[in-house]
Amino acid sequence: MNINVEMFLQTLPIMGKGMLYIFIVTLVIILSIIVLNKVSGNKDNNKDNNKDNNKDNNKDNNTDTNTDN
């Protein structure tokens, strides 16, 4: 099996460009996710979490008053 070193060296710049483009696309996807999270915010999620926390607090309060009886 013969390895043509010249052809291999000619393909390295092509491979490097491909890896660079993959890196750039990954960064664009990550940045777009960050921007979308900041634009949309977690306002709805915080409301849901607060409702759940209030339910848990009410359960705790109910169990505390039941133990006093």
C-alpha atoms as a PDB file:
ATOM      1  CA  MET A   1       0.000   0.000   0.000  1.00  0.00           C
ATOM      2  CA  ASN A   2       1.516   3.273  -1.110  1.00  0.00           C
ATOM      3  CA  ILE A   3       0.697   6.550   0.578  1.00  0.00           C
ATOM      4  CA  ASN A   4       0.971   9.582  -1.621  1.00  0.00           C
ATOM      5  CA  VAL A   5       2.322  12.219   0.755  1.00  0.00           C
ATOM      6  CA  GLU A   6       1.936  15.050  -1.762  1.00  0.00           C
ATOM      7  CA  MET A   7      -1.792  14.376  -2.168  1.00  0.00           C
ATOM      8  CA  PHE A   8      -2.200  14.110   1.588  1.00  0.00           C
ATOM      9  CA  LEU A   9      -0.501  17.491   2.085  1.00  0.00           C
ATOM     10  CA  GLN A  10      -2.766  19.005  -0.580  1.00  0.00           C
ATOM     11  CA  THR A  11      -5.864  17.846   1.297  1.00  0.00           C
ATOM     12  CA  LEU A  12      -4.810  19.341   4.652  1.00  0.00           C
ATOM     13  CA  PRO A  13      -5.885  22.920   3.795  1.00  0.00           C
ATOM     14  CA  ILE A  14      -9.286  21.628   2.649  1.00  0.00           C
ATOM     15  CA  MET A  15      -9.697  19.700   5.890  1.00  0.00           C
ATOM     16  CA  GLY A  16      -8.591  22.757   7.886  1.00  0.00           C
ATOM     17  CA  LYS A  17     -11.173  24.955   6.159  1.00  0.00           C
ATOM     18  CA  GLY A  18     -13.877  22.373   6.837  1.00  0.00           C
ATOM     19  CA  MET A  19     -12.998  22.210  10.525  1.00  0.00           C
ATOM     20  CA  LEU A  20     -12.914  26.013  10.718  1.00  0.00           C
ATOM     21  CA  TYR A  21     -16.379  26.262   9.152  1.00  0.00           C
ATOM     22  CA  ILE A  22     -17.744  23.658  11.566  1.00  0.00           C
ATOM     23  CA  PHE A  23     -16.335  25.688  14.463  1.00  0.00           C
ATOM     24  CA  ILE A  24     -17.863  28.913  13.104  1.00  0.00           C
ATOM     25  CA  VAL A  25     -21.292  27.299  12.626  1.00  0.00           C
ATOM     26  CA  THR A  26     -21.147  25.897  16.164  1.00  0.00           C
ATOM     27  CA  LEU A  27     -20.378  29.358  17.553  1.00  0.00           C
ATOM     28  CA  VAL A  28     -23.238  30.888  15.554  1.00  0.00           C
ATOM     29  CA  ILE A  29     -25.666  28.289  16.918  1.00  0.00           C
ATOM     30  CA  ILE A  30     -24.488  28.846  20.506  1.00  0.00           C
ATOM     31  CA  LEU A  31     -24.714  32.628  20.173  1.00  0.00           C
ATOM     32  CA  SER A  32     -28.182  32.429  18.627  1.00  0.00           C
ATOM     33  CA  ILE A  33     -29.366  30.256  21.528  1.00  0.00           C
ATOM     34  CA  ILE A  34     -27.971  32.771  24.029  1.00  0.00           C
ATOM     35  CA  VAL A  35     -29.650  35.674  22.226  1.00  0.00           C
ATOM     36  CA  LEU A  36     -32.981  33.838  21.998  1.00  0.00           C
ATOM     37  CA  ASN A  37     -32.868  33.019  25.723  1.00  0.00           C
ATOM     38  CA  LYS A  38     -32.212  36.655  26.593  1.00  0.00           C
ATOM     39  CA  VAL A  39     -34.910  37.948  24.251  1.00  0.00           C
ATOM     40  CA  SER A  40     -37.581  35.504  25.331  1.00  0.00           C
ATOM     41  CA  GLY A  41     -36.524  35.409  28.957  1.00  0.00           C
ATOM     42  CA  ASN A  42     -37.674  32.957  31.583  1.00  0.00           C
ATOM     43  CA  LYS A  43     -40.632  35.033  32.747  1.00  0.00           C
ATOM     44  CA  ASP A  44     -43.175  32.229  32.290  1.00  0.00           C
ATOM     45  CA  ASN A  45     -40.920  29.659  33.915  1.00  0.00           C
ATOM     46  CA  ASN A  46     -40.393  31.881  36.952  1.00  0.00           C
ATOM     47  CA  LYS A  47     -44.151  32.288  37.386  1.00  0.00           C
ATOM     48  CA  ASP A  48     -44.645  28.541  37.227  1.00  0.00           C
ATOM     49  CA  ASN A  49     -41.817  27.979  39.681  1.00  0.00           C
ATOM     50  CA  ASN A  50     -43.276  30.554  42.065  1.00  0.00           C
ATOM     51  CA  LYS A  51     -46.670  28.831  41.922  1.00  0.00           C
ATOM     52  CA  ASP A  52     -45.032  25.498  42.675  1.00  0.00           C
ATOM     53  CA  ASN A  53     -43.056  27.027  45.522  1.00  0.00           C
ATOM     54  CA  ASN A  54     -46.209  28.574  46.966  1.00  0.00           C
ATOM     55  CA  LYS A  55     -47.970  25.202  46.805  1.00  0.00           C
ATOM     56  CA  ASP A  56     -45.041  23.595  48.602  1.00  0.00           C
ATOM     57  CA  ASN A  57     -45.043  26.342  51.216  1.00  0.00           C
ATOM     58  CA  ASN A  58     -48.770  25.891  51.768  1.00  0.00           C
ATOM     59  CA  LYS A  59     -48.286  22.150  52.215  1.00  0.00           C
ATOM     60  CA  ASP A  60     -45.545  22.832  54.743  1.00  0.00           C
ATOM     61  CA  ASN A  61     -47.747  25.323  56.559  1.00  0.00           C
ATOM     62  CA  ASN A  62     -50.631  22.869  56.638  1.00  0.00           C
ATOM     63  CA  THR A  63     -48.487  20.120  58.054  1.00  0.00           C
ATOM     64  CA  ASP A  64     -47.072  22.489  60.668  1.00  0.00           C
ATOM     65  CA  THR A  65     -50.555  23.491  61.841  1.00  0.00           C
ATOM     66  CA  ASN A  66     -51.663  19.860  61.890  1.00  0.00           C
ATOM     67  CA  THR A  67     -48.842  18.910  64.224  1.00  0.00           C
ATOM     68  CA  ASP A  68     -49.932  21.583  66.706  1.00  0.00           C
ATOM     69  CA  ASN A  69     -53.373  19.989  67.089  1.00  0.00           C
END
